[in-house]
C-alpha atoms as a PDB file:
ATOM      1  CA  MET A   1     -15.162  -7.167 -18.332  1.00  0.00           C
ATOM      2  CA  LYS A   2     -13.155  -6.119 -15.285  1.00  0.00           C
ATOM      3  CA  LYS A   3      -9.521  -5.098 -15.336  1.00  0.00           C
ATOM      4  CA  VAL A   4      -7.386  -5.536 -12.199  1.00  0.00           C
ATOM      5  CA  GLU A   5      -4.087  -3.796 -11.465  1.00  0.00           C
ATOM      6  CA  PHE A   6      -1.685  -3.998  -8.544  1.00  0.00           C
ATOM      7  CA  VAL A   7       0.463  -1.092  -7.357  1.00  0.00           C
ATOM      8  CA  ARG A   8       3.380  -2.185  -5.167  1.00  0.00           C
ATOM      9  CA  VAL A   9       4.307   0.122  -2.272  1.00  0.00           C
ATOM     10  CA  LYS A  10       7.310  -0.261   0.056  1.00  0.00           C
ATOM     11  CA  SER A  11       7.425   1.110   3.603  1.00  0.00           C
ATOM     12  CA  GLU A  12       9.974   3.788   4.453  1.00  0.00           C
ATOM     13  CA  LEU A  13      11.694   4.702   7.703  1.00  0.00           C
ATOM     14  CA  CYS A  14       9.880   7.699   9.200  1.00  0.00           C
ATOM     15  CA  GLY A  15      11.307   7.935  12.720  1.00  0.00           C
ATOM     16  CA  TYR A  16      12.122   6.149  15.918  1.00  0.00           C
ATOM     17  CA  GLY A  17       9.820   5.239  18.771  1.00  0.00           C
ATOM     18  CA  PHE A  18       9.669   3.197  21.928  1.00  0.00           C
ATOM     19  CA  GLY A  19       8.967  -0.518  21.933  1.00  0.00           C
ATOM     20  CA  LYS A  20       9.912  -1.787  18.486  1.00  0.00           C
ATOM     21  CA  GLY A  21      12.372   1.057  17.904  1.00  0.00           C
ATOM     22  CA  SER A  22      12.116   2.143  14.282  1.00  0.00           C
ATOM     23  CA  LYS A  23       8.874   3.524  12.846  1.00  0.00           C
ATOM     24  CA  TYR A  24       7.949   2.899   9.221  1.00  0.00           C
ATOM     25  CA  GLY A  25       5.191   4.327   7.061  1.00  0.00           C
ATOM     26  CA  PHE A  26       3.715   4.113   3.583  1.00  0.00           C
ATOM     27  CA  ASP A  27       4.080   7.700   2.383  1.00  0.00           C
ATOM     28  CA  GLY A  28       1.990   8.611  -0.631  1.00  0.00           C
ATOM     29  CA  VAL A  29      -0.462   5.712  -0.372  1.00  0.00           C
ATOM     30  CA  GLU A  30      -3.450   8.034   0.029  1.00  0.00           C
ATOM     31  CA  ASP A  31      -2.354  10.009  -3.040  1.00  0.00           C
ATOM     32  CA  ILE A  32      -2.066   6.830  -5.121  1.00  0.00           C
ATOM     33  CA  ILE A  33      -5.546   5.689  -4.061  1.00  0.00           C
ATOM     34  CA  ARG A  34      -7.082   9.140  -4.631  1.00  0.00           C
ATOM     35  CA  GLU A  35      -5.509   9.450  -8.099  1.00  0.00           C
ATOM     36  CA  ARG A  36      -6.735   6.011  -9.185  1.00  0.00           C
ATOM     37  CA  ILE A  37     -10.272   6.694  -7.906  1.00  0.00           C
ATOM     38  CA  LEU A  38     -10.366   9.957  -9.880  1.00  0.00           C
ATOM     39  CA  GLN A  39      -9.369   7.918 -12.964  1.00  0.00           C
ATOM     40  CA  GLY A  40     -12.400   5.651 -12.473  1.00  0.00           C
ATOM     41  CA  TRP A  41     -10.724   2.756 -10.656  1.00  0.00           C
ATOM     42  CA  THR A  42     -12.177   1.133  -7.525  1.00  0.00           C
ATOM     43  CA  TYR A  43      -9.839   0.489  -4.584  1.00  0.00           C
ATOM     44  CA  CYS A  44     -10.344  -3.137  -3.468  1.00  0.00           C
ATOM     45  CA  GLY A  45      -7.798  -3.410  -0.643  1.00  0.00           C
ATOM     46  CA  TYR A  46      -4.200  -4.534  -0.256  1.00  0.00           C
ATOM     47  CA  VAL A  47      -2.151  -7.720  -0.256  1.00  0.00           C
ATOM     48  CA  PRO A  48       0.899  -7.998   2.033  1.00  0.00           C
ATOM     49  CA  ILE A  49       3.889  -9.087  -0.064  1.00  0.00           C
ATOM     50  CA  GLU A  50       6.844  -8.952   2.358  1.00  0.00           C
ATOM     51  CA  THR A  51       6.938  -8.753   6.152  1.00  0.00           C
ATOM     52  CA  ARG A  52       9.691  -7.974   8.625  1.00  0.00           C
ATOM     53  CA  GLY A  53      10.791 -10.320  11.392  1.00  0.00           C
ATOM     54  CA  THR A  54       8.561  -8.299  13.737  1.00  0.00           C
ATOM     55  CA  GLY A  55       5.492  -9.172  11.650  1.00  0.00           C
ATOM     56  CA  ASP A  56       5.124  -5.641  10.262  1.00  0.00           C
ATOM     57  CA  ILE A  57       4.378  -5.225   6.560  1.00  0.00           C
ATOM     58  CA  GLU A  58       7.443  -4.218   4.524  1.00  0.00           C
ATOM     59  CA  THR A  59       5.884  -4.239   1.044  1.00  0.00           C
ATOM     60  CA  MET A  60       2.237  -4.406  -0.049  1.00  0.00           C
ATOM     61  CA  SER A  61       0.296  -4.309  -3.285  1.00  0.00           C
ATOM     62  CA  LEU A  62      -2.703  -2.007  -3.559  1.00  0.00           C
ATOM     63  CA  VAL A  63      -5.462  -3.672  -5.580  1.00  0.00           C
ATOM     64  CA  PHE A  64      -7.569  -1.655  -8.035  1.00  0.00           C
ATOM     65  CA  GLN A  65     -10.391  -2.718 -10.329  1.00  0.00           C
ATOM     66  CA  LEU A  66     -11.825  -1.017 -13.418  1.00  0.00           C
ATOM     67  CA  ASP A  67     -14.986  -1.896 -15.341  1.00  0.00           C
ATOM     68  CA  GLU A  68     -14.207  -1.869 -19.051  1.00  0.00           C
END
């Protein structure tokens, strides 16, 4: 049987740039994925949950799967 878990991650302001103005990032996402993989989970991708008016992703869920 497979177990599925979602880890919600919210973008954070990380600077200012030209064009759209503010720059946002998902700090710590690589660490979350690495930690889960070391625990035996498989990273399956992400699902956008909330977007900004510019179309950029505000919040996403990382999808992990584990064979039990």
